């Protein structure tokens, strides 16, 4: 069943709660409290749920929305830079230890 078909089925008010369990996948996310609070406020101002926001967010990523792909690329670049920085610090500490033992 395609994503579009699943979305249509999930939106059908006649679908039982039991059938909903077969359609949806639960997720657990941990985000910083201030981020959660801001997201909650923004969603309430628009009469949206956080679930609706995340579903749209995921949908845009899956469909290849250019701004979402750019965001993923930025995140990947930041993560690689952070990992490289950690490796550099580890190398510096290792060299310092070697010099001290020297």
PDB file of N, CA and C in Angstrom:
ATOM      1  N   UNK A   1       0.845  -1.170   0.000  1.00  0.00           N
ATOM      2  CA  UNK A   1       0.000   0.000   0.000  1.00  0.00           C
ATOM      3  C   UNK A   1       0.898   1.244   0.000  1.00  0.00           C
ATOM      4  N   UNK A   2       0.587   2.206  -0.839  1.00  0.00           N
ATOM      5  CA  UNK A   2       1.412   3.413  -0.956  1.00  0.00           C
ATOM      6  C   UNK A   2       1.195   4.332   0.242  1.00  0.00           C
ATOM      7  N   UNK A   3       2.092   5.287   0.396  1.00  0.00           N
ATOM      8  CA  UNK A   3       1.978   6.260   1.479  1.00  0.00           C
ATOM      9  C   UNK A   3       0.687   7.053   1.334  1.00  0.00           C
ATOM     10  N   UNK A   4       0.361   7.431   0.103  1.00  0.00           N
ATOM     11  CA  UNK A   4      -0.865   8.200  -0.124  1.00  0.00           C
ATOM     12  C   UNK A   4      -2.096   7.398   0.287  1.00  0.00           C
ATOM     13  N   UNK A   5      -2.117   6.112  -0.041  1.00  0.00           N
ATOM     14  CA  UNK A   5      -3.252   5.265   0.327  1.00  0.00           C
ATOM     15  C   UNK A   5      -3.350   5.117   1.847  1.00  0.00           C
ATOM     16  N   UNK A   6      -2.197   4.948   2.507  1.00  0.00           N
ATOM     17  CA  UNK A   6      -2.197   4.841   3.960  1.00  0.00           C
ATOM     18  C   UNK A   6      -2.693   6.128   4.604  1.00  0.00           C
ATOM     19  N   UNK A   7      -2.254   7.273   4.071  1.00  0.00           N
ATOM     20  CA  UNK A   7      -2.708   8.555   4.618  1.00  0.00           C
ATOM     21  C   UNK A   7      -4.219   8.714   4.471  1.00  0.00           C
ATOM     22  N   UNK A   8      -4.721   8.317   3.309  1.00  0.00           N
ATOM     23  CA  UNK A   8      -6.169   8.422   3.067  1.00  0.00           C
ATOM     24  C   UNK A   8      -6.923   7.513   4.036  1.00  0.00           C
ATOM     25  N   UNK A   9      -6.426   6.304   4.230  1.00  0.00           N
ATOM     26  CA  UNK A   9      -7.067   5.354   5.139  1.00  0.00           C
ATOM     27  C   UNK A   9      -6.996   5.859   6.578  1.00  0.00           C
ATOM     28  N   UNK A  10      -5.851   6.419   6.974  1.00  0.00           N
ATOM     29  CA  UNK A  10      -5.685   6.924   8.332  1.00  0.00           C
ATOM     30  C   UNK A  10      -6.590   8.120   8.606  1.00  0.00           C
ATOM     31  N   UNK A  11      -6.869   8.914   7.588  1.00  0.00           N
ATOM     32  CA  UNK A  11      -7.723  10.099   7.741  1.00  0.00           C
ATOM     33  C   UNK A  11      -9.203   9.750   7.739  1.00  0.00           C
ATOM     34  N   UNK A  12      -9.548   8.543   7.339  1.00  0.00           N
ATOM     35  CA  UNK A  12     -10.951   8.121   7.266  1.00  0.00           C
ATOM     36  C   UNK A  12     -11.523   7.982   8.674  1.00  0.00           C
ATOM     37  N   UNK A  13     -12.541   8.789   9.020  1.00  0.00           N
ATOM     38  CA  UNK A  13     -13.105   8.716  10.373  1.00  0.00           C
ATOM     39  C   UNK A  13     -13.788   7.379  10.667  1.00  0.00           C
ATOM     40  N   UNK A  14     -14.094   6.608   9.645  1.00  0.00           N
ATOM     41  CA  UNK A  14     -14.752   5.321   9.833  1.00  0.00           C
ATOM     42  C   UNK A  14     -13.795   4.188  10.171  1.00  0.00           C
ATOM     43  N   UNK A  15     -12.489   4.462  10.122  1.00  0.00           N
ATOM     44  CA  UNK A  15     -11.499   3.424  10.414  1.00  0.00           C
ATOM     45  C   UNK A  15     -11.412   3.235  11.925  1.00  0.00           C
ATOM     46  N   UNK A  16     -11.509   1.998  12.374  1.00  0.00           N
ATOM     47  CA  UNK A  16     -11.496   1.704  13.808  1.00  0.00           C
ATOM     48  C   UNK A  16     -10.126   1.993  14.413  1.00  0.00           C
ATOM     49  N   UNK A  17     -10.114   2.159  15.743  1.00  0.00           N
ATOM     50  CA  UNK A  17      -8.848   2.380  16.465  1.00  0.00           C
ATOM     51  C   UNK A  17      -7.915   1.187  16.279  1.00  0.00           C
ATOM     52  N   UNK A  18      -8.468  -0.010  16.207  1.00  0.00           N
ATOM     53  CA  UNK A  18      -7.650  -1.200  15.994  1.00  0.00           C
ATOM     54  C   UNK A  18      -6.968  -1.140  14.628  1.00  0.00           C
ATOM     55  N   UNK A  19      -7.708  -0.737  13.606  1.00  0.00           N
ATOM     56  CA  UNK A  19      -7.138  -0.616  12.269  1.00  0.00           C
ATOM     57  C   UNK A  19      -6.084   0.497  12.233  1.00  0.00           C
ATOM     58  N   UNK A  20      -6.288   1.567  13.042  1.00  0.00           N
ATOM     59  CA  UNK A  20      -5.304   2.655  13.108  1.00  0.00           C
ATOM     60  C   UNK A  20      -3.949   2.129  13.577  1.00  0.00           C
ATOM     61  N   UNK A  21      -3.961   1.166  14.498  1.00  0.00           N
ATOM     62  CA  UNK A  21      -2.707   0.596  14.997  1.00  0.00           C
ATOM     63  C   UNK A  21      -1.924  -0.087  13.881  1.00  0.00           C
ATOM     64  N   UNK A  22      -2.643  -0.606  12.906  1.00  0.00           N
ATOM     65  CA  UNK A  22      -2.014  -1.287  11.788  1.00  0.00           C
ATOM     66  C   UNK A  22      -1.484  -0.294  10.751  1.00  0.00           C
ATOM     67  N   UNK A  23      -1.989   0.932  10.799  1.00  0.00           N
ATOM     68  CA  UNK A  23      -1.630   1.941   9.806  1.00  0.00           C
ATOM     69  C   UNK A  23      -0.461   2.804  10.282  1.00  0.00           C
ATOM     70  N   UNK A  24      -0.478   3.144  11.550  1.00  0.00           N
ATOM     71  CA  UNK A  24       0.477   4.101  12.098  1.00  0.00           C
ATOM     72  C   UNK A  24       1.629   3.403  12.825  1.00  0.00           C
ATOM     73  N   UNK A  25       2.745   4.121  12.940  1.00  0.00           N
ATOM     74  CA  UNK A  25       3.915   3.656  13.674  1.00  0.00           C
ATOM     75  C   UNK A  25       4.236   4.685  14.750  1.00  0.00           C
ATOM     76  N   UNK A  26       4.263   4.260  16.000  1.00  0.00           N
ATOM     77  CA  UNK A  26       4.598   5.172  17.087  1.00  0.00           C
ATOM     78  C   UNK A  26       6.095   5.432  17.109  1.00  0.00           C
ATOM     79  N   UNK A  27       6.437   6.663  17.514  1.00  0.00           N
ATOM     80  CA  UNK A  27       7.845   7.052  17.638  1.00  0.00           C
ATOM     81  C   UNK A  27       8.032   7.737  18.985  1.00  0.00           C
ATOM     82  N   UNK A  28       9.227   7.642  19.508  1.00  0.00           N
ATOM     83  CA  UNK A  28       9.568   8.389  20.711  1.00  0.00           C
ATOM     84  C   UNK A  28      10.742   9.291  20.361  1.00  0.00           C
ATOM     85  N   UNK A  29      10.581  10.570  20.619  1.00  0.00           N
ATOM     86  CA  UNK A  29      11.631  11.541  20.334  1.00  0.00           C
ATOM     87  C   UNK A  29      11.998  12.266  21.609  1.00  0.00           C
ATOM     88  N   UNK A  30      13.256  12.574  21.774  1.00  0.00           N
ATOM     89  CA  UNK A  30      13.696  13.409  22.885  1.00  0.00           C
ATOM     90  C   UNK A  30      14.228  14.706  22.300  1.00  0.00           C
ATOM     91  N   UNK A  31      13.598  15.795  22.698  1.00  0.00           N
ATOM     92  CA  UNK A  31      14.078  17.109  22.282  1.00  0.00           C
ATOM     93  C   UNK A  31      14.238  17.966  23.531  1.00  0.00           C
ATOM     94  N   UNK A  32      14.999  19.019  23.409  1.00  0.00           N
ATOM     95  CA  UNK A  32      15.223  19.906  24.549  1.00  0.00           C
ATOM     96  C   UNK A  32      13.910  20.543  24.990  1.00  0.00           C
ATOM     97  N   UNK A  33      13.764  20.748  26.289  1.00  0.00           N
ATOM     98  CA  UNK A  33      12.528  21.320  26.833  1.00  0.00           C
ATOM     99  C   UNK A  33      12.160  22.653  26.188  1.00  0.00           C
ATOM    100  N   UNK A  34      13.119  23.574  26.045  1.00  0.00           N
ATOM    101  CA  UNK A  34      12.738  24.854  25.411  1.00  0.00           C
ATOM    102  C   UNK A  34      12.237  24.670  23.975  1.00  0.00           C
ATOM    103  N   UNK A  35      12.831  23.738  23.250  1.00  0.00           N
ATOM    104  CA  UNK A  35      12.383  23.465  21.886  1.00  0.00           C
ATOM    105  C   UNK A  35      10.966  22.920  21.886  1.00  0.00           C
ATOM    106  N   UNK A  36      10.690  21.996  22.805  1.00  0.00           N
ATOM    107  CA  UNK A  36       9.354  21.414  22.901  1.00  0.00           C
ATOM    108  C   UNK A  36       8.330  22.493  23.249  1.00  0.00           C
ATOM    109  N   UNK A  37       8.685  23.349  24.204  1.00  0.00           N
ATOM    110  CA  UNK A  37       7.767  24.407  24.619  1.00  0.00           C
ATOM    111  C   UNK A  37       7.449  25.348  23.458  1.00  0.00           C
ATOM    112  N   UNK A  38       8.475  25.773  22.724  1.00  0.00           N
ATOM    113  CA  UNK A  38       8.258  26.668  21.581  1.00  0.00           C
ATOM    114  C   UNK A  38       7.418  26.006  20.498  1.00  0.00           C
ATOM    115  N   UNK A  39       7.718  24.731  20.231  1.00  0.00           N
ATOM    116  CA  UNK A  39       6.942  24.002  19.217  1.00  0.00           C
ATOM    117  C   UNK A  39       5.485  23.874  19.651  1.00  0.00           C
ATOM    118  N   UNK A  40       5.262  23.597  20.924  1.00  0.00           N
ATOM    119  CA  UNK A  40       3.901  23.471  21.447  1.00  0.00           C
ATOM    120  C   UNK A  40       3.147  24.799  21.302  1.00  0.00           C
ATOM    121  N   UNK A  41       3.807  25.902  21.651  1.00  0.00           N
ATOM    122  CA  UNK A  41       3.180  27.218  21.536  1.00  0.00           C
ATOM    123  C   UNK A  41       2.844  27.523  20.080  1.00  0.00           C
ATOM    124  N   UNK A  42       3.815  27.292  19.185  1.00  0.00           N
ATOM    125  CA  UNK A  42       3.588  27.558  17.759  1.00  0.00           C
ATOM    126  C   UNK A  42       2.451  26.700  17.201  1.00  0.00           C
ATOM    127  N   UNK A  43       2.412  25.442  17.628  1.00  0.00           N
ATOM    128  CA  UNK A  43       1.350  24.560  17.126  1.00  0.00           C
ATOM    129  C   UNK A  43      -0.012  24.990  17.662  1.00  0.00           C
ATOM    130  N   UNK A  44      -0.088  25.373  18.920  1.00  0.00           N
ATOM    131  CA  UNK A  44      -1.361  25.789  19.516  1.00  0.00           C
ATOM    132  C   UNK A  44      -1.879  27.070  18.856  1.00  0.00           C
ATOM    133  N   UNK A  45      -0.980  27.985  18.530  1.00  0.00           N
ATOM    134  CA  UNK A  45      -1.386  29.230  17.870  1.00  0.00           C
ATOM    135  C   UNK A  45      -2.045  28.957  16.525  1.00  0.00           C
ATOM    136  N   UNK A  46      -1.679  27.849  15.908  1.00  0.00           N
ATOM    137  CA  UNK A  46      -2.215  27.506  14.588  1.00  0.00           C
ATOM    138  C   UNK A  46      -3.276  26.417  14.661  1.00  0.00           C
ATOM    139  N   UNK A  47      -3.648  26.035  15.878  1.00  0.00           N
ATOM    140  CA  UNK A  47      -4.630  24.981  16.074  1.00  0.00           C
ATOM    141  C   UNK A  47      -4.190  23.671  15.414  1.00  0.00           C
ATOM    142  N   UNK A  48      -2.906  23.367  15.551  1.00  0.00           N
ATOM    143  CA  UNK A  48      -2.325  22.136  15.013  1.00  0.00           C
ATOM    144  C   UNK A  48      -1.791  21.297  16.164  1.00  0.00           C
ATOM    145  N   UNK A  49      -1.624  20.011  15.910  1.00  0.00           N
ATOM    146  CA  UNK A  49      -0.951  19.158  16.883  1.00  0.00           C
ATOM    147  C   UNK A  49       0.494  18.974  16.447  1.00  0.00           C
ATOM    148  N   UNK A  50       1.330  18.629  17.403  1.00  0.00           N
ATOM    149  CA  UNK A  50       2.729  18.347  17.069  1.00  0.00           C
ATOM    150  C   UNK A  50       2.790  17.155  16.114  1.00  0.00           C
ATOM    151  N   UNK A  51       1.899  16.203  16.285  1.00  0.00           N
ATOM    152  CA  UNK A  51       1.846  15.047  15.385  1.00  0.00           C
ATOM    153  C   UNK A  51       1.572  15.484  13.952  1.00  0.00           C
ATOM    154  N   UNK A  52       0.629  16.405  13.763  1.00  0.00           N
ATOM    155  CA  UNK A  52       0.324  16.901  12.413  1.00  0.00           C
ATOM    156  C   UNK A  52       1.538  17.601  11.804  1.00  0.00           C
ATOM    157  N   UNK A  53       2.254  18.348  12.632  1.00  0.00           N
ATOM    158  CA  UNK A  53       3.454  19.049  12.155  1.00  0.00           C
ATOM    159  C   UNK A  53       4.517  18.046  11.719  1.00  0.00           C
ATOM    160  N   UNK A  54       4.768  17.036  12.559  1.00  0.00           N
ATOM    161  CA  UNK A  54       5.787  16.039  12.216  1.00  0.00           C
ATOM    162  C   UNK A  54       5.391  15.225  10.992  1.00  0.00           C
ATOM    163  N   UNK A  55       4.108  14.905  10.865  1.00  0.00           N
ATOM    164  CA  UNK A  55       3.655  14.142   9.689  1.00  0.00           C
ATOM    165  C   UNK A  55       3.920  14.941   8.411  1.00  0.00           C
ATOM    166  N   UNK A  56       3.636  16.236   8.445  1.00  0.00           N
ATOM    167  CA  UNK A  56       3.899  17.092   7.272  1.00  0.00           C
ATOM    168  C   UNK A  56       5.394  17.204   7.006  1.00  0.00           C
ATOM    169  N   UNK A  57       6.162  17.349   8.075  1.00  0.00           N
ATOM    170  CA  UNK A  57       7.619  17.437   7.974  1.00  0.00           C
ATOM    171  C   UNK A  57       8.194  16.185   7.295  1.00  0.00           C
ATOM    172  N   UNK A  58       7.776  15.024   7.772  1.00  0.00           N
ATOM    173  CA  UNK A  58       8.241  13.751   7.202  1.00  0.00           C
ATOM    174  C   UNK A  58       7.793  13.622   5.753  1.00  0.00           C
ATOM    175  N   UNK A  59       6.557  14.000   5.486  1.00  0.00           N
ATOM    176  CA  UNK A  59       6.032  13.928   4.127  1.00  0.00           C
ATOM    177  C   UNK A  59       6.873  14.761   3.164  1.00  0.00           C
ATOM    178  N   UNK A  60       7.250  15.951   3.582  1.00  0.00           N
ATOM    179  CA  UNK A  60       8.069  16.818   2.721  1.00  0.00           C
ATOM    180  C   UNK A  60       9.462  16.253   2.495  1.00  0.00           C
ATOM    181  N   UNK A  61      10.023  15.612   3.502  1.00  0.00           N
ATOM    182  CA  UNK A  61      11.333  14.969   3.328  1.00  0.00           C
ATOM    183  C   UNK A  61      11.218  13.828   2.321  1.00  0.00           C
ATOM    184  N   UNK A  62      10.196  12.988   2.502  1.00  0.00           N
ATOM    185  CA  UNK A  62      10.007  11.818   1.637  1.00  0.00           C
ATOM    186  C   UNK A  62       9.798  12.233   0.182  1.00  0.00           C
ATOM    187  N   UNK A  63       9.039  13.305  -0.022  1.00  0.00           N
ATOM    188  CA  UNK A  63       8.754  13.726  -1.396  1.00  0.00           C
ATOM    189  C   UNK A  63       9.896  14.539  -2.010  1.00  0.00           C
ATOM    190  N   UNK A  64      10.950  14.787  -1.233  1.00  0.00           N
ATOM    191  CA  UNK A  64      12.127  15.457  -1.791  1.00  0.00           C
ATOM    192  C   UNK A  64      11.994  16.960  -1.906  1.00  0.00           C
ATOM    193  N   UNK A  65      11.232  17.564  -1.009  1.00  0.00           N
ATOM    194  CA  UNK A  65      11.084  19.015  -1.013  1.00  0.00           C
ATOM    195  C   UNK A  65      12.472  19.663  -0.943  1.00  0.00           C
ATOM    196  N   UNK A  66      12.801  20.563  -1.871  1.00  0.00           N
ATOM    197  CA  UNK A  66      14.155  21.140  -1.925  1.00  0.00           C
ATOM    198  C   UNK A  66      14.620  21.762  -0.608  1.00  0.00           C
ATOM    199  N   UNK A  67      13.736  22.460   0.094  1.00  0.00           N
ATOM    200  CA  UNK A  67      14.167  23.071   1.356  1.00  0.00           C
ATOM    201  C   UNK A  67      14.452  22.006   2.417  1.00  0.00           C
ATOM    202  N   UNK A  68      13.730  20.893   2.386  1.00  0.00           N
ATOM    203  CA  UNK A  68      13.978  19.818   3.346  1.00  0.00           C
ATOM    204  C   UNK A  68      15.280  19.075   3.022  1.00  0.00           C
ATOM    205  N   UNK A  69      15.537  18.875   1.744  1.00  0.00           N
ATOM    206  CA  UNK A  69      16.781  18.217   1.334  1.00  0.00           C
ATOM    207  C   UNK A  69      17.970  19.102   1.696  1.00  0.00           C
ATOM    208  N   UNK A  70      17.823  20.408   1.511  1.00  0.00           N
ATOM    209  CA  UNK A  70      18.885  21.348   1.896  1.00  0.00           C
ATOM    210  C   UNK A  70      19.130  21.277   3.406  1.00  0.00           C
ATOM    211  N   UNK A  71      18.045  21.189   4.195  1.00  0.00           N
ATOM    212  CA  UNK A  71      18.184  21.078   5.643  1.00  0.00           C
ATOM    213  C   UNK A  71      18.922  19.789   6.016  1.00  0.00           C
ATOM    214  N   UNK A  72      18.566  18.669   5.380  1.00  0.00           N
ATOM    215  CA  UNK A  72      19.253  17.401   5.654  1.00  0.00           C
ATOM    216  C   UNK A  72      20.734  17.494   5.306  1.00  0.00           C
ATOM    217  N   UNK A  73      21.037  18.127   4.169  1.00  0.00           N
ATOM    218  CA  UNK A  73      22.433  18.294   3.778  1.00  0.00           C
ATOM    219  C   UNK A  73      23.191  19.153   4.783  1.00  0.00           C
ATOM    220  N   UNK A  74      22.559  20.223   5.274  1.00  0.00           N
ATOM    221  CA  UNK A  74      23.186  21.086   6.290  1.00  0.00           C
ATOM    222  C   UNK A  74      23.448  20.307   7.577  1.00  0.00           C
ATOM    223  N   UNK A  75      22.470  19.513   8.003  1.00  0.00           N
ATOM    224  CA  UNK A  75      22.642  18.704   9.207  1.00  0.00           C
ATOM    225  C   UNK A  75      23.793  17.713   9.054  1.00  0.00           C
ATOM    226  N   UNK A  76      23.864  17.093   7.876  1.00  0.00           N
ATOM    227  CA  UNK A  76      24.939  16.133   7.615  1.00  0.00           C
ATOM    228  C   UNK A  76      26.300  16.819   7.684  1.00  0.00           C
ATOM    229  N   UNK A  77      26.395  18.009   7.083  1.00  0.00           N
ATOM    230  CA  UNK A  77      27.652  18.763   7.087  1.00  0.00           C
ATOM    231  C   UNK A  77      28.051  19.140   8.511  1.00  0.00           C
ATOM    232  N   UNK A  78      27.087  19.621   9.298  1.00  0.00           N
ATOM    233  CA  UNK A  78      27.362  19.994  10.689  1.00  0.00           C
ATOM    234  C   UNK A  78      27.817  18.790  11.501  1.00  0.00           C
ATOM    235  N   UNK A  79      27.173  17.648  11.284  1.00  0.00           N
ATOM    236  CA  UNK A  79      27.529  16.443  12.030  1.00  0.00           C
ATOM    237  C   UNK A  79      28.947  15.996  11.685  1.00  0.00           C
ATOM    238  N   UNK A  80      29.280  16.021  10.414  1.00  0.00           N
ATOM    239  CA  UNK A  80      30.643  15.640  10.001  1.00  0.00           C
ATOM    240  C   UNK A  80      31.682  16.585  10.579  1.00  0.00           C
ATOM    241  N   UNK A  81      31.372  17.877  10.598  1.00  0.00           N
ATOM    242  CA  UNK A  81      32.298  18.867  11.147  1.00  0.00           C
ATOM    243  C   UNK A  81      32.501  18.634  12.642  1.00  0.00           C
ATOM    244  N   UNK A  82      31.413  18.316  13.349  1.00  0.00           N
ATOM    245  CA  UNK A  82      31.505  18.059  14.787  1.00  0.00           C
ATOM    246  C   UNK A  82      32.346  16.810  15.052  1.00  0.00           C
ATOM    247  N   UNK A  83      32.137  15.758  14.223  1.00  0.00           N
ATOM    248  CA  UNK A  83      32.909  14.531  14.387  1.00  0.00           C
ATOM    249  C   UNK A  83      34.383  14.777  14.095  1.00  0.00           C
ATOM    250  N   UNK A  84      34.673  15.579  13.081  1.00  0.00           N
ATOM    251  CA  UNK A  84      36.060  15.904  12.742  1.00  0.00           C
ATOM    252  C   UNK A  84      36.700  16.695  13.873  1.00  0.00           C
ATOM    253  N   UNK A  85      35.937  17.612  14.465  1.00  0.00           N
ATOM    254  CA  UNK A  85      36.445  18.405  15.580  1.00  0.00           C
ATOM    255  C   UNK A  85      36.768  17.503  16.771  1.00  0.00           C
ATOM    256  N   UNK A  86      35.894  16.526  17.051  1.00  0.00           N
ATOM    257  CA  UNK A  86      36.136  15.594  18.151  1.00  0.00           C
ATOM    258  C   UNK A  86      37.408  14.787  17.891  1.00  0.00           C
ATOM    259  N   UNK A  87      37.579  14.325  16.650  1.00  0.00           N
ATOM    260  CA  UNK A  87      38.775  13.556  16.307  1.00  0.00           C
ATOM    261  C   UNK A  87      40.025  14.400  16.460  1.00  0.00           C
ATOM    262  N   UNK A  88      39.954  15.655  16.067  1.00  0.00           N
ATOM    263  CA  UNK A  88      41.096  16.558  16.200  1.00  0.00           C
ATOM    264  C   UNK A  88      41.460  16.723  17.670  1.00  0.00           C
ATOM    265  N   UNK A  89      40.454  16.891  18.531  1.00  0.00           N
ATOM    266  CA  UNK A  89      40.716  17.021  19.965  1.00  0.00           C
ATOM    267  C   UNK A  89      41.324  15.750  20.540  1.00  0.00           C
ATOM    268  N   UNK A  90      40.829  14.591  20.097  1.00  0.00           N
ATOM    269  CA  UNK A  90      41.374  13.317  20.569  1.00  0.00           C
ATOM    270  C   UNK A  90      42.831  13.186  20.133  1.00  0.00           C
ATOM    271  N   UNK A  91      43.127  13.537  18.871  1.00  0.00           N
ATOM    272  CA  UNK A  91      44.495  13.482  18.366  1.00  0.00           C
ATOM    273  C   UNK A  91      45.403  14.421  19.151  1.00  0.00           C
ATOM    274  N   UNK A  92      44.917  15.626  19.454  1.00  0.00           N
ATOM    275  CA  UNK A  92      45.714  16.597  20.204  1.00  0.00           C
ATOM    276  C   UNK A  92      46.009  16.066  21.599  1.00  0.00           C
ATOM    277  N   UNK A  93      45.018  15.470  22.248  1.00  0.00           N
ATOM    278  CA  UNK A  93      45.221  14.902  23.582  1.00  0.00           C
ATOM    279  C   UNK A  93      46.207  13.741  23.528  1.00  0.00           C
ATOM    280  N   UNK A  94      46.109  12.912  22.501  1.00  0.00           N
ATOM    281  CA  UNK A  94      47.019  11.778  22.360  1.00  0.00           C
ATOM    282  C   UNK A  94      48.447  12.261  22.177  1.00  0.00           C
ATOM    283  N   UNK A  95      48.626  13.274  21.331  1.00  0.00           N
ATOM    284  CA  UNK A  95      49.963  13.819  21.116  1.00  0.00           C
ATOM    285  C   UNK A  95      50.513  14.440  22.398  1.00  0.00           C
ATOM    286  N   UNK A  96      49.668  15.124  23.137  1.00  0.00           N
ATOM    287  CA  UNK A  96      50.083  15.725  24.397  1.00  0.00           C
ATOM    288  C   UNK A  96      50.540  14.645  25.369  1.00  0.00           C
ATOM    289  N   UNK A  97      49.781  13.544  25.444  1.00  0.00           N
ATOM    290  CA  UNK A  97      50.165  12.420  26.315  1.00  0.00           C
ATOM    291  C   UNK A  97      51.502  11.823  25.912  1.00  0.00           C
ATOM    292  N   UNK A  98      51.716  11.671  24.603  1.00  0.00           N
ATOM    293  CA  UNK A  98      52.971  11.103  24.094  1.00  0.00           C
ATOM    294  C   UNK A  98      54.137  12.020  24.441  1.00  0.00           C
ATOM    295  N   UNK A  99      53.958  13.326  24.280  1.00  0.00           N
ATOM    296  CA  UNK A  99      55.017  14.297  24.586  1.00  0.00           C
ATOM    297  C   UNK A  99      55.337  14.257  26.069  1.00  0.00           C
ATOM    298  N   UNK A 100      54.320  14.187  26.907  1.00  0.00           N
ATOM    299  CA  UNK A 100      54.543  14.144  28.351  1.00  0.00           C
ATOM    300  C   UNK A 100      55.301  12.899  28.770  1.00  0.00           C
ATOM    301  N   UNK A 101      54.972  11.776  28.131  1.00  0.00           N
ATOM    302  CA  UNK A 101      55.650  10.517  28.467  1.00  0.00           C
ATOM    303  C   UNK A 101      57.075  10.487  27.943  1.00  0.00           C
ATOM    304  N   UNK A 102      57.307  11.210  26.818  1.00  0.00           N
ATOM    305  CA  UNK A 102      58.514  11.231  26.048  1.00  0.00           C
ATOM    306  C   UNK A 102      59.777  11.246  26.723  1.00  0.00           C
TER     307      UNK A 102
END
